[in-house]
Amino acid sequence: MNREGGGDETCVGDYHDSIQMAESVRQAVAERGGIDVIVAWIHSDAPDTRRWLTHEEIAGGVIMAIQESKLCHIVGVVD
């Protein structure tokens, strides 16, 4: 997270527990205010993951989402 005039901030969550992960983000918003960008790195052993992505696919998708100011962007293919 990055607030105007401040540095990047982290919000830690367990990607194995999607409810806890979402609550961690909600708590960060309540404590720190709005969030400009969230980059969530979800590993292939998390529940509901479908496919392993390469570094290039992940990085390219994150860069594209930031450049296009997308509200939500999922990198990869869900079968």
C-alpha atoms as a PDB file:
ATOM      1  CA  MET A   1       0.000   0.000   0.000  1.00  0.00           C
ATOM      2  CA  ASN A   2       1.197   3.469  -0.722  1.00  0.00           C
ATOM      3  CA  ARG A   3      -0.342   6.576   0.754  1.00  0.00           C
ATOM      4  CA  GLU A   4       0.347   9.981  -0.766  1.00  0.00           C
ATOM      5  CA  GLY A   5       3.626  11.278   0.600  1.00  0.00           C
ATOM      6  CA  GLY A   6       4.433   7.952   2.261  1.00  0.00           C
ATOM      7  CA  GLY A   7       6.254   4.811   1.339  1.00  0.00           C
ATOM      8  CA  ASP A   8       4.975   1.403   0.451  1.00  0.00           C
ATOM      9  CA  GLU A   9       3.317  -0.500   3.261  1.00  0.00           C
ATOM     10  CA  THR A  10       2.672  -4.186   3.622  1.00  0.00           C
ATOM     11  CA  CYS A  11      -0.437  -6.048   4.630  1.00  0.00           C
ATOM     12  CA  VAL A  12       0.224  -9.645   5.592  1.00  0.00           C
ATOM     13  CA  GLY A  13      -2.352 -12.356   5.001  1.00  0.00           C
ATOM     14  CA  ASP A  14      -2.422 -16.132   4.636  1.00  0.00           C
ATOM     15  CA  TYR A  15      -3.292 -17.029   1.052  1.00  0.00           C
ATOM     16  CA  HIS A  16      -4.434 -20.469   2.248  1.00  0.00           C
ATOM     17  CA  ASP A  17      -7.319 -18.771   4.112  1.00  0.00           C
ATOM     18  CA  SER A  18      -9.205 -16.467   1.732  1.00  0.00           C
ATOM     19  CA  ILE A  19     -11.525 -15.191   4.473  1.00  0.00           C
ATOM     20  CA  GLN A  20      -8.566 -14.183   6.667  1.00  0.00           C
ATOM     21  CA  MET A  21      -6.813 -12.650   3.655  1.00  0.00           C
ATOM     22  CA  ALA A  22      -9.828 -10.465   2.835  1.00  0.00           C
ATOM     23  CA  GLU A  23     -10.181  -9.477   6.502  1.00  0.00           C
ATOM     24  CA  SER A  24      -6.519  -8.471   6.594  1.00  0.00           C
ATOM     25  CA  VAL A  25      -7.105  -6.085   3.677  1.00  0.00           C
ATOM     26  CA  ARG A  26     -10.313  -4.696   5.245  1.00  0.00           C
ATOM     27  CA  GLN A  27      -8.453  -4.076   8.505  1.00  0.00           C
ATOM     28  CA  ALA A  28      -5.627  -2.289   6.679  1.00  0.00           C
ATOM     29  CA  VAL A  29      -8.154   0.013   4.985  1.00  0.00           C
ATOM     30  CA  ALA A  30      -9.857   0.742   8.310  1.00  0.00           C
ATOM     31  CA  GLU A  31      -6.529   1.559   9.984  1.00  0.00           C
ATOM     32  CA  ARG A  32      -4.712   3.367   7.158  1.00  0.00           C
ATOM     33  CA  GLY A  33      -7.367   4.658   4.791  1.00  0.00           C
ATOM     34  CA  GLY A  34      -7.806   3.949   1.087  1.00  0.00           C
ATOM     35  CA  ILE A  35      -5.478   1.734  -0.888  1.00  0.00           C
ATOM     36  CA  ASP A  36      -4.127   2.691  -4.304  1.00  0.00           C
ATOM     37  CA  VAL A  37      -2.823  -0.719  -5.389  1.00  0.00           C
ATOM     38  CA  ILE A  38      -2.822  -4.221  -3.940  1.00  0.00           C
ATOM     39  CA  VAL A  39      -0.559  -6.866  -5.408  1.00  0.00           C
ATOM     40  CA  ALA A  40      -1.491 -10.240  -3.938  1.00  0.00           C
ATOM     41  CA  TRP A  41       0.945 -13.056  -4.618  1.00  0.00           C
ATOM     42  CA  ILE A  42      -0.996 -16.313  -4.362  1.00  0.00           C
ATOM     43  CA  HIS A  43       1.013 -19.525  -4.559  1.00  0.00           C
ATOM     44  CA  SER A  44      -0.065 -22.592  -6.520  1.00  0.00           C
ATOM     45  CA  ASP A  45      -0.824 -24.589  -3.358  1.00  0.00           C
ATOM     46  CA  ALA A  46      -3.524 -22.133  -2.236  1.00  0.00           C
ATOM     47  CA  PRO A  47      -7.148 -23.296  -2.426  1.00  0.00           C
ATOM     48  CA  ASP A  48      -8.875 -22.708  -5.778  1.00  0.00           C
ATOM     49  CA  THR A  49      -5.699 -22.083  -7.771  1.00  0.00           C
ATOM     50  CA  ARG A  50      -5.779 -23.568 -11.234  1.00  0.00           C
ATOM     51  CA  ARG A  51      -2.436 -22.984 -12.903  1.00  0.00           C
ATOM     52  CA  TRP A  52       1.174 -22.135 -12.217  1.00  0.00           C
ATOM     53  CA  LEU A  53       2.207 -18.852 -13.864  1.00  0.00           C
ATOM     54  CA  THR A  54       5.669 -17.860 -14.977  1.00  0.00           C
ATOM     55  CA  HIS A  55       7.439 -14.819 -13.562  1.00  0.00           C
ATOM     56  CA  GLU A  56       6.958 -13.050 -16.903  1.00  0.00           C
ATOM     57  CA  GLU A  57       3.183 -13.699 -16.895  1.00  0.00           C
ATOM     58  CA  ILE A  58       2.800 -12.442 -13.342  1.00  0.00           C
ATOM     59  CA  ALA A  59       4.972  -9.359 -13.766  1.00  0.00           C
ATOM     60  CA  GLY A  60       3.386  -8.503 -17.127  1.00  0.00           C
ATOM     61  CA  GLY A  61      -0.119  -8.815 -15.714  1.00  0.00           C
ATOM     62  CA  VAL A  62       0.663  -6.638 -12.691  1.00  0.00           C
ATOM     63  CA  ILE A  63       2.295  -3.956 -14.842  1.00  0.00           C
ATOM     64  CA  MET A  64      -0.631  -3.967 -17.292  1.00  0.00           C
ATOM     65  CA  ALA A  65      -3.191  -3.657 -14.492  1.00  0.00           C
ATOM     66  CA  ILE A  66      -1.333  -0.715 -12.939  1.00  0.00           C
ATOM     67  CA  GLN A  67      -0.841   1.066 -16.275  1.00  0.00           C
ATOM     68  CA  GLU A  68      -4.519   0.649 -17.169  1.00  0.00           C
ATOM     69  CA  SER A  69      -5.691   1.638 -13.646  1.00  0.00           C
ATOM     70  CA  LYS A  70      -7.857  -1.466 -13.408  1.00  0.00           C
ATOM     71  CA  LEU A  71      -9.951  -1.820 -10.262  1.00  0.00           C
ATOM     72  CA  CYS A  72      -9.481  -5.592 -10.274  1.00  0.00           C
ATOM     73  CA  HIS A  73      -7.365  -7.707 -12.596  1.00  0.00           C
ATOM     74  CA  ILE A  74      -6.689 -11.430 -12.382  1.00  0.00           C
ATOM     75  CA  VAL A  75      -3.518 -12.614 -14.060  1.00  0.00           C
ATOM     76  CA  GLY A  76      -3.776 -16.073 -15.605  1.00  0.00           C
ATOM     77  CA  VAL A  77      -6.453 -18.397 -16.879  1.00  0.00           C
ATOM     78  CA  VAL A  78      -9.140 -19.972 -14.720  1.00  0.00           C
ATOM     79  CA  ASP A  79     -10.414 -23.219 -16.245  1.00  0.00           C
END
